[in-house]
PDB file of N, CA and C in Angstrom:
ATOM      1  N   UNK A   1      70.418  19.398 -64.419  1.00  0.00           N
ATOM      2  CA  UNK A   1      71.502  19.033 -63.772  1.00  0.00           C
ATOM      3  C   UNK A   1      71.782  19.197 -62.974  1.00  0.00           C
ATOM      4  N   UNK A   2      72.459  20.634 -63.677  1.00  0.00           N
ATOM      5  CA  UNK A   2      73.036  21.814 -62.492  1.00  0.00           C
ATOM      6  C   UNK A   2      72.377  22.204 -61.109  1.00  0.00           C
ATOM      7  N   UNK A   3      70.941  22.523 -61.535  1.00  0.00           N
ATOM      8  CA  UNK A   3      70.201  22.885 -60.466  1.00  0.00           C
ATOM      9  C   UNK A   3      69.854  21.727 -59.620  1.00  0.00           C
ATOM     10  N   UNK A   4      69.757  20.304 -59.939  1.00  0.00           N
ATOM     11  CA  UNK A   4      69.803  19.356 -58.890  1.00  0.00           C
ATOM     12  C   UNK A   4      71.164  19.341 -58.227  1.00  0.00           C
ATOM     13  N   UNK A   5      72.182  19.781 -58.839  1.00  0.00           N
ATOM     14  CA  UNK A   5      73.561  19.662 -57.955  1.00  0.00           C
ATOM     15  C   UNK A   5      73.779  20.762 -56.778  1.00  0.00           C
ATOM     16  N   UNK A   6      73.640  22.281 -57.201  1.00  0.00           N
ATOM     17  CA  UNK A   6      73.068  23.208 -56.523  1.00  0.00           C
ATOM     18  C   UNK A   6      72.738  23.074 -55.616  1.00  0.00           C
ATOM     19  N   UNK A   7      71.395  22.818 -55.458  1.00  0.00           N
ATOM     20  CA  UNK A   7      70.504  22.360 -54.783  1.00  0.00           C
ATOM     21  C   UNK A   7      70.809  21.429 -53.707  1.00  0.00           C
ATOM     22  N   UNK A   8      71.054  20.081 -53.849  1.00  0.00           N
ATOM     23  CA  UNK A   8      71.975  19.496 -52.901  1.00  0.00           C
ATOM     24  C   UNK A   8      73.109  19.648 -52.409  1.00  0.00           C
ATOM     25  N   UNK A   9      73.951  20.822 -52.787  1.00  0.00           N
ATOM     26  CA  UNK A   9      75.079  21.242 -51.968  1.00  0.00           C
ATOM     27  C   UNK A   9      74.426  21.716 -51.520  1.00  0.00           C
ATOM     28  N   UNK A  10      73.656  22.979 -51.622  1.00  0.00           N
ATOM     29  CA  UNK A  10      73.451  24.005 -50.768  1.00  0.00           C
ATOM     30  C   UNK A  10      72.484  23.608 -49.644  1.00  0.00           C
ATOM     31  N   UNK A  11      72.148  22.321 -49.989  1.00  0.00           N
ATOM     32  CA  UNK A  11      70.662  21.569 -48.606  1.00  0.00           C
ATOM     33  C   UNK A  11      72.106  21.099 -47.494  1.00  0.00           C
ATOM     34  N   UNK A  12      72.784  20.361 -48.389  1.00  0.00           N
ATOM     35  CA  UNK A  12      74.074  20.278 -47.267  1.00  0.00           C
ATOM     36  C   UNK A  12      74.985  20.942 -46.959  1.00  0.00           C
ATOM     37  N   UNK A  13      75.133  21.771 -47.550  1.00  0.00           N
ATOM     38  CA  UNK A  13      75.646  23.197 -46.093  1.00  0.00           C
ATOM     39  C   UNK A  13      75.194  23.841 -45.651  1.00  0.00           C
ATOM     40  N   UNK A  14      73.772  24.087 -45.624  1.00  0.00           N
ATOM     41  CA  UNK A  14      72.431  24.260 -44.762  1.00  0.00           C
ATOM     42  C   UNK A  14      72.609  23.433 -43.741  1.00  0.00           C
ATOM     43  N   UNK A  15      72.352  22.506 -43.656  1.00  0.00           N
ATOM     44  CA  UNK A  15      72.634  21.320 -42.924  1.00  0.00           C
ATOM     45  C   UNK A  15      73.494  21.814 -41.866  1.00  0.00           C
ATOM     46  N   UNK A  16      75.040  21.527 -42.752  1.00  0.00           N
ATOM     47  CA  UNK A  16      75.669  21.437 -42.037  1.00  0.00           C
ATOM     48  C   UNK A  16      76.188  22.844 -40.987  1.00  0.00           C
ATOM     49  N   UNK A  17      75.806  24.241 -41.015  1.00  0.00           N
ATOM     50  CA  UNK A  17      75.484  25.217 -40.989  1.00  0.00           C
ATOM     51  C   UNK A  17      75.124  25.041 -39.376  1.00  0.00           C
ATOM     52  N   UNK A  18      73.614  24.367 -40.212  1.00  0.00           N
ATOM     53  CA  UNK A  18      72.384  24.787 -38.518  1.00  0.00           C
ATOM     54  C   UNK A  18      72.656  23.279 -37.574  1.00  0.00           C
ATOM     55  N   UNK A  19      73.793  22.624 -38.082  1.00  0.00           N
ATOM     56  CA  UNK A  19      74.057  22.000 -37.033  1.00  0.00           C
ATOM     57  C   UNK A  19      75.392  22.253 -36.116  1.00  0.00           C
ATOM     58  N   UNK A  20      76.147  22.847 -36.740  1.00  0.00           N
ATOM     59  CA  UNK A  20      77.326  23.512 -36.276  1.00  0.00           C
ATOM     60  C   UNK A  20      76.846  25.029 -35.592  1.00  0.00           C
ATOM     61  N   UNK A  21      75.500  25.441 -35.164  1.00  0.00           N
ATOM     62  CA  UNK A  21      75.050  26.827 -34.595  1.00  0.00           C
ATOM     63  C   UNK A  21      74.467  25.935 -33.359  1.00  0.00           C
ATOM     64  N   UNK A  22      73.981  24.395 -33.537  1.00  0.00           N
ATOM     65  CA  UNK A  22      73.055  24.200 -32.400  1.00  0.00           C
ATOM     66  C   UNK A  22      74.172  23.532 -31.259  1.00  0.00           C
ATOM     67  N   UNK A  23      75.569  22.780 -32.269  1.00  0.00           N
ATOM     68  CA  UNK A  23      76.252  22.120 -31.149  1.00  0.00           C
ATOM     69  C   UNK A  23      77.009  23.295 -30.540  1.00  0.00           C
ATOM     70  N   UNK A  24      77.255  24.589 -30.786  1.00  0.00           N
ATOM     71  CA  UNK A  24      78.114  25.518 -30.445  1.00  0.00           C
ATOM     72  C   UNK A  24      77.005  26.449 -29.248  1.00  0.00           C
ATOM     73  N   UNK A  25      75.779  26.441 -29.572  1.00  0.00           N
ATOM     74  CA  UNK A  25      74.747  26.857 -28.870  1.00  0.00           C
ATOM     75  C   UNK A  25      74.829  25.597 -27.276  1.00  0.00           C
ATOM     76  N   UNK A  26      74.954  24.329 -27.840  1.00  0.00           N
ATOM     77  CA  UNK A  26      75.195  23.269 -26.472  1.00  0.00           C
ATOM     78  C   UNK A  26      76.750  23.420 -25.977  1.00  0.00           C
ATOM     79  N   UNK A  27      78.029  23.912 -26.422  1.00  0.00           N
ATOM     80  CA  UNK A  27      78.728  24.467 -25.668  1.00  0.00           C
ATOM     81  C   UNK A  27      78.359  25.641 -24.750  1.00  0.00           C
ATOM     82  N   UNK A  28      77.843  26.835 -25.312  1.00  0.00           N
ATOM     83  CA  UNK A  28      77.907  27.874 -24.825  1.00  0.00           C
ATOM     84  C   UNK A  28      77.045  28.052 -23.417  1.00  0.00           C
ATOM     85  N   UNK A  29      75.835  27.404 -23.483  1.00  0.00           N
ATOM     86  CA  UNK A  29      74.432  27.344 -22.477  1.00  0.00           C
ATOM     87  C   UNK A  29      75.287  26.336 -21.250  1.00  0.00           C
ATOM     88  N   UNK A  30      74.904  27.045 -20.328  1.00  0.00           N
ATOM     89  CA  UNK A  30      75.335  26.182 -18.846  1.00  0.00           C
ATOM     90  C   UNK A  30      74.169  25.448 -18.928  1.00  0.00           C
ATOM     91  N   UNK A  31      74.292  23.930 -18.124  1.00  0.00           N
ATOM     92  CA  UNK A  31      73.210  22.996 -18.284  1.00  0.00           C
ATOM     93  C   UNK A  31      72.826  23.054 -16.987  1.00  0.00           C
ATOM     94  N   UNK A  32      73.365  23.807 -15.370  1.00  0.00           N
ATOM     95  CA  UNK A  32      72.583  23.405 -14.937  1.00  0.00           C
ATOM     96  C   UNK A  32      72.284  24.941 -14.023  1.00  0.00           C
ATOM     97  N   UNK A  33      71.059  24.904 -13.387  1.00  0.00           N
ATOM     98  CA  UNK A  33      71.129  26.231 -12.654  1.00  0.00           C
ATOM     99  C   UNK A  33      71.702  26.680 -11.647  1.00  0.00           C
ATOM    100  N   UNK A  34      72.324  27.927 -11.272  1.00  0.00           N
ATOM    101  CA  UNK A  34      72.782  28.534 -10.161  1.00  0.00           C
ATOM    102  C   UNK A  34      72.275  29.035  -8.840  1.00  0.00           C
ATOM    103  N   UNK A  35      70.779  28.045  -8.899  1.00  0.00           N
ATOM    104  CA  UNK A  35      70.025  28.849  -7.979  1.00  0.00           C
ATOM    105  C   UNK A  35      70.316  27.675  -6.672  1.00  0.00           C
ATOM    106  N   UNK A  36      70.916  28.285  -5.889  1.00  0.00           N
ATOM    107  CA  UNK A  36      71.014  27.370  -4.266  1.00  0.00           C
ATOM    108  C   UNK A  36      69.659  26.787  -3.808  1.00  0.00           C
ATOM    109  N   UNK A  37      69.997  25.580  -3.010  1.00  0.00           N
ATOM    110  CA  UNK A  37      68.660  24.690  -2.768  1.00  0.00           C
ATOM    111  C   UNK A  37      69.144  24.665  -0.985  1.00  0.00           C
ATOM    112  N   UNK A  38      67.996  25.067  -0.521  1.00  0.00           N
ATOM    113  CA  UNK A  38      68.219  25.135   1.138  1.00  0.00           C
ATOM    114  C   UNK A  38      67.576  23.968   1.855  1.00  0.00           C
ATOM    115  N   UNK A  39      68.326  23.489   2.647  1.00  0.00           N
ATOM    116  CA  UNK A  39      67.607  22.382   3.146  1.00  0.00           C
ATOM    117  C   UNK A  39      67.048  22.549   5.017  1.00  0.00           C
ATOM    118  N   UNK A  40      66.026  22.522   4.998  1.00  0.00           N
ATOM    119  CA  UNK A  40      65.407  22.896   6.052  1.00  0.00           C
ATOM    120  C   UNK A  40      65.773  21.371   7.386  1.00  0.00           C
ATOM    121  N   UNK A  41      66.569  21.731   8.345  1.00  0.00           N
ATOM    122  CA  UNK A  41      66.589  20.500   9.162  1.00  0.00           C
ATOM    123  C   UNK A  41      65.326  20.470  10.053  1.00  0.00           C
ATOM    124  N   UNK A  42      64.912  19.183   9.828  1.00  0.00           N
ATOM    125  CA  UNK A  42      63.341  18.696  10.806  1.00  0.00           C
ATOM    126  C   UNK A  42      63.562  19.099  12.387  1.00  0.00           C
ATOM    127  N   UNK A  43      62.822  19.714  12.946  1.00  0.00           N
ATOM    128  CA  UNK A  43      62.703  19.888  14.576  1.00  0.00           C
ATOM    129  C   UNK A  43      61.617  18.898  15.125  1.00  0.00           C
ATOM    130  N   UNK A  44      60.563  19.409  14.804  1.00  0.00           N
ATOM    131  CA  UNK A  44      59.973  17.812  15.366  1.00  0.00           C
ATOM    132  C   UNK A  44      59.716  16.965  15.161  1.00  0.00           C
ATOM    133  N   UNK A  45      58.824  15.840  15.740  1.00  0.00           N
ATOM    134  CA  UNK A  45      58.948  14.745  15.528  1.00  0.00           C
ATOM    135  C   UNK A  45      57.860  14.570  14.254  1.00  0.00           C
ATOM    136  N   UNK A  46      57.066  15.258  14.197  1.00  0.00           N
ATOM    137  CA  UNK A  46      56.138  15.291  12.581  1.00  0.00           C
ATOM    138  C   UNK A  46      57.069  15.595  11.710  1.00  0.00           C
ATOM    139  N   UNK A  47      57.797  16.527  11.353  1.00  0.00           N
ATOM    140  CA  UNK A  47      59.251  16.992  10.350  1.00  0.00           C
ATOM    141  C   UNK A  47      60.126  16.178   9.843  1.00  0.00           C
ATOM    142  N   UNK A  48      60.569  15.082  10.904  1.00  0.00           N
ATOM    143  CA  UNK A  48      61.434  13.932  10.939  1.00  0.00           C
ATOM    144  C   UNK A  48      60.690  12.912  10.224  1.00  0.00           C
ATOM    145  N   UNK A  49      59.270  13.070  10.978  1.00  0.00           N
ATOM    146  CA  UNK A  49      58.890  11.237   9.543  1.00  0.00           C
ATOM    147  C   UNK A  49      58.979  11.919   8.540  1.00  0.00           C
ATOM    148  N   UNK A  50      58.101  12.825   8.455  1.00  0.00           N
ATOM    149  CA  UNK A  50      57.980  13.523   6.459  1.00  0.00           C
ATOM    150  C   UNK A  50      59.079  13.670   6.018  1.00  0.00           C
ATOM    151  N   UNK A  51      60.340  14.076   6.919  1.00  0.00           N
ATOM    152  CA  UNK A  51      61.665  14.298   5.970  1.00  0.00           C
ATOM    153  C   UNK A  51      62.105  12.762   5.691  1.00  0.00           C
ATOM    154  N   UNK A  52      61.562  11.553   6.290  1.00  0.00           N
ATOM    155  CA  UNK A  52      62.506  10.614   6.402  1.00  0.00           C
ATOM    156  C   UNK A  52      61.418   9.777   5.242  1.00  0.00           C
ATOM    157  N   UNK A  53      60.395  10.263   5.099  1.00  0.00           N
ATOM    158  CA  UNK A  53      59.661   9.386   3.799  1.00  0.00           C
ATOM    159  C   UNK A  53      60.196  10.235   2.531  1.00  0.00           C
ATOM    160  N   UNK A  54      60.420  11.100   2.710  1.00  0.00           N
ATOM    161  CA  UNK A  54      61.349  11.544   1.464  1.00  0.00           C
ATOM    162  C   UNK A  54      62.420  11.517   0.573  1.00  0.00           C
TER     163      UNK A  54
END
């Protein structure tokens, strides 16, 4: 019976530590990319029509 309790306590503590690590990673890692998006201004009529369809 003592082995069962020990295994139960160790599995619960392992799950808590495992979850805690992923929670810390969620706060530490950035959510968005730092890349800049370049918007091209349409010059011709065909580019304006294509841009308006987007």
